[in-house]
Amino acid sequence: MGSSHSADHNHGHSHGQLARAGARYAGRLRVAFALVVVFLLVQIVVGVAAGSLALLSDAGHMATDALGIGMALAAITAASRAATDGQRTFGLYRLEIIAALANAVLLFAVAGYVLTEAVRRFDDAPHVASAPVLLVGVLGLAVNVACFLLLREGAGASLNLRGAYLEVVADLLGSVGVIAAALVMWTTGWHWVDPVVGAAIGVFILPRAFRLGRDALRVLVEAAPADIDVAGIRAALSSLEGVADVHDLHVWTLTSEMHMLTAHLSVADGTDTQSVLHAARAVLTDRFSLTHATLQVEVGIDQRCHDLAW
């Protein structure tokens, strides 16, 4: 598109950072995964034996915890291996987002089952053995607290880790609900409390599933990050000395906390294009925290850029 200079800022550095971040949290994920899988089996066995919907609904949520943590581990492993693959110039970091979306779908399915079963049980609440439910509820609370502590730090660094972390938080509250239901049934004999708590856990899951799925879809459709002002970026770049026009501006997210930008900057004849590149990088980094940007500086306005279909 005419005489131009381009700059791709911090490409390899960003990939290396994410690979190191994955390695940093992989050990904690493995421990959390083992805890969740072992206790999930305990919940299913006791839930079926005791006839507790609250415990089975919490087991369903615990199953999504296991799948979420497992997918996070798989995504981190695949992304780390792909970081050195020359044919995968963006690695496999999108696997993390796909895993997060799958996790959201699973959460919706669990919530739907629990709510349907709870409605069925309202008219004829079965007898529930409260003592084993109480014991498993207490153990579940301990497991979820341990997983919460293991995943808390990584939740701010990865969308997929945040999904697993949010499920653990929700399941922690679910364990509290199971304990409360068991205590009420034990002391009062009101077995209808069990489907009520089961339904409450199902309702509690839904908004978290929606938010996780929405965030994952936003990344997959390559929408601009919600916290980035695209119009503000365009105005800031347009205001740089020597810049006559900004076009083909695109901002998207590759994976968690890895935002990217491409843009064409048209400048007048005689403008120092290298100075424009340096100024643009500084604006994007300092004002918008966009450290990964590919910029093309064009001398004069080339109409062919404006005629691009996308």
Protein backbone atom coordinates (compact mmCIF):
# COMPACT_ATOMS: atom_id res chain seq x y z
CA MET A 1 0.00 0.00 0.00
CA GLY A 2 2.47 2.63 -1.11
CA SER A 3 5.78 3.42 0.50
CA SER A 4 5.61 2.12 4.02
CA HIS A 5 7.34 0.98 7.17
CA SER A 6 5.85 -1.47 9.61
CA ALA A 7 6.56 -2.61 13.15
CA ASP A 8 5.38 -5.68 15.03
CA HIS A 9 5.89 -4.89 18.72
CA ASN A 10 6.50 -7.56 21.40
CA HIS A 11 5.28 -10.58 19.43
CA GLY A 12 7.76 -13.18 20.70
CA HIS A 13 7.88 -11.57 24.13
CA SER A 14 4.10 -11.98 24.57
CA HIS A 15 4.19 -15.65 23.54
CA GLY A 16 7.05 -16.34 25.95
CA GLN A 17 5.24 -14.59 28.78
CA LEU A 18 2.12 -16.69 28.31
CA ALA A 19 4.09 -19.93 28.08
CA ARG A 20 5.87 -19.12 31.35
CA ALA A 21 2.56 -18.13 32.99
CA GLY A 22 1.04 -21.49 31.99
CA ALA A 23 3.97 -23.38 33.44
CA ARG A 24 3.71 -21.39 36.66
CA TYR A 25 0.11 -22.44 37.29
CA ALA A 26 0.20 -25.97 35.85
CA GLY A 27 1.38 -27.56 39.11
CA ARG A 28 -1.41 -25.99 41.12
CA LEU A 29 -3.95 -27.03 38.49
CA ARG A 30 -2.80 -30.65 38.69
CA VAL A 31 -3.24 -30.73 42.47
CA ALA A 32 -6.66 -29.09 42.25
CA PHE A 33 -7.70 -31.51 39.48
CA ALA A 34 -6.74 -34.55 41.56
CA LEU A 35 -8.64 -33.25 44.61
CA VAL A 36 -11.77 -32.51 42.60
CA VAL A 37 -11.86 -35.85 40.72
CA VAL A 38 -11.42 -37.94 43.87
CA PHE A 39 -14.08 -36.05 45.76
CA LEU A 40 -16.45 -36.05 42.77
CA LEU A 41 -16.53 -39.85 42.92
CA VAL A 42 -17.30 -39.68 46.65
CA GLN A 43 -20.17 -37.23 46.04
CA ILE A 44 -21.76 -39.36 43.33
CA VAL A 45 -21.65 -42.55 45.40
CA VAL A 46 -23.02 -40.93 48.56
CA GLY A 47 -25.52 -38.78 46.66
CA VAL A 48 -27.08 -41.80 44.96
CA ALA A 49 -27.02 -43.89 48.13
CA ALA A 50 -28.55 -41.12 50.26
CA GLY A 51 -31.02 -39.95 47.58
CA SER A 52 -29.92 -36.32 47.89
CA LEU A 53 -30.57 -34.00 44.93
CA ALA A 54 -28.62 -31.22 46.64
CA LEU A 55 -25.57 -33.48 46.86
CA LEU A 56 -26.00 -34.77 43.29
CA SER A 57 -26.40 -31.22 41.95
CA ASP A 58 -23.25 -30.23 43.76
CA ALA A 59 -21.57 -33.32 42.26
CA GLY A 60 -22.67 -32.17 38.81
CA HIS A 61 -21.11 -28.81 39.47
CA MET A 62 -18.00 -30.51 40.81
CA ALA A 63 -17.85 -32.48 37.54
CA THR A 64 -17.72 -29.21 35.59
CA ASP A 65 -14.97 -28.10 37.97
CA ALA A 66 -13.00 -31.20 37.02
CA LEU A 67 -13.63 -30.68 33.31
CA GLY A 68 -12.82 -26.99 33.54
CA ILE A 69 -9.54 -27.56 35.35
CA GLY A 70 -8.70 -30.45 33.04
CA MET A 71 -9.34 -28.33 29.95
CA ALA A 72 -7.27 -25.52 31.43
CA LEU A 73 -4.39 -27.95 31.89
CA ALA A 74 -4.79 -29.29 28.34
CA ALA A 75 -4.91 -25.77 26.89
CA ILE A 76 -1.80 -24.67 28.78
CA THR A 77 0.09 -27.79 27.70
CA ALA A 78 -0.93 -27.43 24.04
CA ALA A 79 -0.18 -23.71 23.97
CA SER A 80 3.27 -24.23 25.49
CA ARG A 81 4.15 -26.89 22.94
CA ALA A 82 2.88 -24.77 20.05
CA ALA A 83 4.93 -21.75 21.11
CA THR A 84 7.95 -23.15 19.24
CA ASP A 85 6.01 -24.35 16.16
CA GLY A 86 6.88 -22.08 13.25
CA GLN A 87 3.66 -22.95 11.41
CA ARG A 88 1.48 -21.81 14.32
CA THR A 89 2.38 -18.15 14.38
CA PHE A 90 -0.20 -17.47 17.09
CA GLY A 91 0.43 -20.73 18.93
CA LEU A 92 -2.63 -22.62 20.21
CA TYR A 93 -3.70 -20.01 22.73
CA ARG A 94 -7.26 -19.98 21.38
CA LEU A 95 -7.70 -23.49 22.80
CA GLU A 96 -8.01 -21.81 26.18
CA ILE A 97 -10.98 -19.79 24.96
CA ILE A 98 -12.64 -22.79 23.32
CA ALA A 99 -12.25 -24.71 26.59
CA ALA A 100 -13.85 -21.83 28.49
CA LEU A 101 -16.82 -21.83 26.08
CA ALA A 102 -17.24 -25.60 26.44
CA ASN A 103 -17.16 -25.15 30.19
CA ALA A 104 -19.98 -22.59 29.99
CA VAL A 105 -22.11 -24.99 27.93
CA LEU A 106 -21.55 -27.75 30.50
CA LEU A 107 -22.59 -25.41 33.30
CA PHE A 108 -25.85 -24.62 31.49
CA ALA A 109 -26.53 -28.35 31.04
CA VAL A 110 -25.94 -29.11 34.73
CA ALA A 111 -28.15 -26.22 35.82
CA GLY A 112 -30.94 -27.36 33.48
CA TYR A 113 -30.88 -30.91 34.81
CA VAL A 114 -30.87 -29.84 38.45
CA LEU A 115 -33.76 -27.40 38.02
CA THR A 116 -35.85 -29.97 36.14
CA GLU A 117 -35.24 -32.65 38.76
CA ALA A 118 -35.95 -30.22 41.61
CA VAL A 119 -39.37 -29.34 40.15
CA ARG A 120 -40.19 -33.03 39.83
CA ARG A 121 -39.29 -33.64 43.48
CA PHE A 122 -41.26 -30.73 44.94
CA ASP A 123 -44.51 -32.69 44.79
CA ASP A 124 -43.07 -35.85 46.31
CA ALA A 125 -39.84 -35.24 48.19
CA PRO A 126 -38.10 -38.60 48.81
CA HIS A 127 -36.49 -39.53 52.09
CA VAL A 128 -32.87 -38.38 52.26
CA ALA A 129 -30.24 -39.83 54.61
CA SER A 130 -29.04 -36.58 56.15
CA ALA A 131 -26.01 -37.80 58.14
CA PRO A 132 -23.85 -38.96 55.18
CA VAL A 133 -24.95 -35.88 53.21
CA LEU A 134 -23.74 -33.66 56.06
CA LEU A 135 -20.39 -35.46 56.25
CA VAL A 136 -19.77 -35.22 52.51
CA GLY A 137 -20.88 -31.58 52.53
CA VAL A 138 -18.24 -30.72 55.12
CA LEU A 139 -15.57 -32.62 53.20
CA GLY A 140 -16.66 -30.87 50.01
CA LEU A 141 -16.29 -27.50 51.65
CA ALA A 142 -12.72 -28.38 52.66
CA VAL A 143 -11.85 -29.55 49.13
CA ASN A 144 -13.29 -26.38 47.58
CA VAL A 145 -11.42 -24.13 50.00
CA ALA A 146 -8.18 -25.90 49.05
CA CYS A 147 -8.92 -25.49 45.32
CA PHE A 148 -9.92 -21.86 45.87
CA LEU A 149 -6.54 -21.13 47.41
CA LEU A 150 -4.72 -23.01 44.63
CA LEU A 151 -6.47 -21.17 41.76
CA ARG A 152 -6.99 -17.70 43.20
CA GLU A 153 -3.71 -16.22 41.96
CA GLY A 154 -4.04 -17.53 38.41
CA ALA A 155 -7.65 -16.36 38.01
CA GLY A 156 -6.51 -12.87 37.09
CA ALA A 157 -4.12 -14.07 34.39
CA SER A 158 -6.30 -16.35 32.27
CA LEU A 159 -9.92 -16.50 31.13
CA ASN A 160 -9.94 -20.27 31.28
CA LEU A 161 -8.35 -20.30 34.74
CA ARG A 162 -10.91 -17.69 35.77
CA GLY A 163 -13.65 -20.02 34.57
CA ALA A 164 -12.32 -22.89 36.67
CA TYR A 165 -11.83 -20.53 39.63
CA LEU A 166 -15.39 -19.18 39.40
CA GLU A 167 -16.77 -22.70 39.31
CA VAL A 168 -14.80 -23.59 42.44
CA VAL A 169 -16.14 -20.46 44.18
CA ALA A 170 -19.69 -21.35 43.18
CA ASP A 171 -19.18 -24.95 44.25
CA LEU A 172 -17.81 -23.76 47.58
CA LEU A 173 -21.11 -21.97 48.17
CA GLY A 174 -22.88 -25.09 46.92
CA SER A 175 -21.14 -27.11 49.63
CA VAL A 176 -22.42 -24.63 52.19
CA GLY A 177 -25.93 -25.19 50.79
CA VAL A 178 -25.54 -28.97 51.08
CA ILE A 179 -24.44 -28.63 54.71
CA ALA A 180 -27.38 -26.35 55.49
CA ALA A 181 -29.86 -28.72 53.84
CA ALA A 182 -28.45 -31.73 55.73
CA LEU A 183 -28.66 -29.89 59.06
CA VAL A 184 -32.27 -28.82 58.44
CA MET A 185 -33.31 -32.36 57.41
CA TRP A 186 -31.48 -33.85 60.40
CA THR A 187 -33.05 -31.53 62.96
CA THR A 188 -36.56 -31.08 61.49
CA GLY A 189 -37.19 -33.98 59.11
CA TRP A 190 -38.18 -31.52 56.33
CA HIS A 191 -36.95 -33.44 53.29
CA TRP A 192 -38.37 -30.90 50.83
CA VAL A 193 -35.38 -28.72 51.77
CA ASP A 194 -33.15 -30.97 49.64
CA PRO A 195 -34.76 -30.14 46.24
CA VAL A 196 -35.01 -26.48 47.25
CA VAL A 197 -31.27 -26.30 47.89
CA GLY A 198 -30.61 -28.30 44.72
CA ALA A 199 -32.65 -25.79 42.69
CA ALA A 200 -30.87 -22.87 44.37
CA ILE A 201 -27.51 -24.31 43.36
CA GLY A 202 -28.79 -24.67 39.79
CA VAL A 203 -29.97 -21.05 39.69
CA PHE A 204 -26.66 -19.93 41.17
CA ILE A 205 -24.78 -21.61 38.32
CA LEU A 206 -26.66 -19.85 35.49
CA PRO A 207 -25.28 -16.26 35.66
CA ARG A 208 -21.72 -17.55 35.94
CA ALA A 209 -22.21 -19.77 32.91
CA PHE A 210 -23.66 -16.83 30.98
CA ARG A 211 -20.79 -14.48 31.79
CA LEU A 212 -18.14 -17.07 31.01
CA GLY A 213 -19.78 -17.99 27.70
CA ARG A 214 -20.26 -14.32 26.76
CA ASP A 215 -16.60 -13.49 27.42
CA ALA A 216 -15.41 -16.52 25.45
CA LEU A 217 -17.66 -15.73 22.48
CA ARG A 218 -16.47 -12.12 22.47
CA VAL A 219 -12.92 -13.37 22.00
CA LEU A 220 -13.87 -15.95 19.35
CA VAL A 221 -15.74 -13.40 17.19
CA GLU A 222 -12.70 -11.10 17.52
CA ALA A 223 -14.66 -8.19 18.97
CA ALA A 224 -12.60 -5.41 20.50
CA PRO A 225 -12.03 -5.91 24.24
CA ALA A 226 -14.84 -4.33 26.23
CA ASP A 227 -12.42 -2.22 28.28
CA ILE A 228 -10.60 -0.72 25.27
CA ASP A 229 -11.85 2.49 23.65
CA VAL A 230 -11.33 1.93 19.92
CA ALA A 231 -12.53 5.42 19.03
CA GLY A 232 -10.10 6.83 21.59
CA ILE A 233 -7.24 4.85 20.03
CA ARG A 234 -8.10 6.17 16.58
CA ALA A 235 -8.23 9.74 17.88
CA ALA A 236 -4.92 9.36 19.75
CA LEU A 237 -3.12 7.98 16.71
CA SER A 238 -4.67 10.63 14.44
CA SER A 239 -3.41 13.38 16.72
CA LEU A 240 0.25 12.33 16.36
CA GLU A 241 2.45 14.83 14.57
CA GLY A 242 2.63 14.06 10.87
CA VAL A 243 -0.27 11.57 10.80
CA ALA A 244 -2.90 12.54 8.22
CA ASP A 245 -5.14 9.48 8.41
CA VAL A 246 -5.67 6.26 10.38
CA HIS A 247 -7.36 3.31 8.67
CA ASP A 248 -7.58 -0.49 8.75
CA LEU A 249 -7.61 -0.24 12.54
CA HIS A 250 -8.39 -3.57 14.23
CA VAL A 251 -8.25 -4.47 17.91
CA TRP A 252 -8.96 -7.97 19.21
CA THR A 253 -8.02 -10.49 21.88
CA LEU A 254 -5.97 -13.57 21.04
CA THR A 255 -6.37 -15.14 24.48
CA SER A 256 -6.66 -14.01 28.09
CA GLU A 257 -4.92 -10.68 28.70
CA MET A 258 -3.29 -10.75 25.24
CA HIS A 259 -4.82 -7.89 23.25
CA MET A 260 -3.58 -7.12 19.76
CA LEU A 261 -3.82 -4.23 17.31
CA THR A 262 -3.10 -3.56 13.66
CA ALA A 263 -3.41 -0.20 11.92
CA HIS A 264 -2.25 1.78 8.89
CA LEU A 265 -1.02 5.33 9.48
CA SER A 266 -0.85 7.71 6.50
CA VAL A 267 1.69 10.53 6.74
CA ALA A 268 2.64 13.46 4.55
CA ASP A 269 5.71 13.51 2.28
CA GLY A 270 8.89 14.30 4.17
CA THR A 271 7.63 12.95 7.51
CA ASP A 272 10.10 10.90 9.56
CA THR A 273 8.23 7.57 9.54
CA GLN A 274 10.43 6.04 12.22
CA SER A 275 9.54 8.87 14.60
CA VAL A 276 5.86 8.25 13.89
CA LEU A 277 6.28 4.55 14.70
CA HIS A 278 8.02 5.32 18.00
CA ALA A 279 5.34 7.86 18.97
CA ALA A 280 2.52 5.48 18.07
CA ARG A 281 4.06 2.65 20.10
CA ALA A 282 4.43 4.93 23.10
CA VAL A 283 0.79 6.07 22.91
CA LEU A 284 -0.55 2.52 22.55
CA THR A 285 1.57 1.20 25.41
CA ASP A 286 1.27 4.08 27.88
CA ARG A 287 -2.36 5.09 27.34
CA PHE A 288 -4.04 1.87 26.28
CA SER A 289 -1.72 -0.91 27.60
CA LEU A 290 -1.48 -2.38 24.10
CA THR A 291 2.04 -3.80 23.92
CA HIS A 292 1.42 -6.03 20.92
CA ALA A 293 0.76 -3.81 17.87
CA THR A 294 1.55 -4.13 14.18
CA LEU A 295 1.68 -0.70 12.52
CA GLN A 296 2.15 0.20 8.89
CA VAL A 297 3.17 3.76 8.06
CA GLU A 298 2.33 4.88 4.53
CA VAL A 299 3.57 8.02 2.80
CA GLY A 300 0.51 9.60 1.26
CA ILE A 301 -3.04 8.23 1.29
CA ASP A 302 -3.43 5.08 -0.79
CA GLN A 303 -7.03 4.66 -1.88
CA ARG A 304 -6.59 0.91 -2.23
CA CYS A 305 -6.59 0.59 1.58
CA HIS A 306 -9.94 2.37 1.82
CA ASP A 307 -11.41 0.10 -0.85
CA LEU A 308 -10.74 -3.10 1.15
CA ALA A 309 -13.93 -5.04 1.78
CA TRP A 310 -13.04 -5.73 5.41
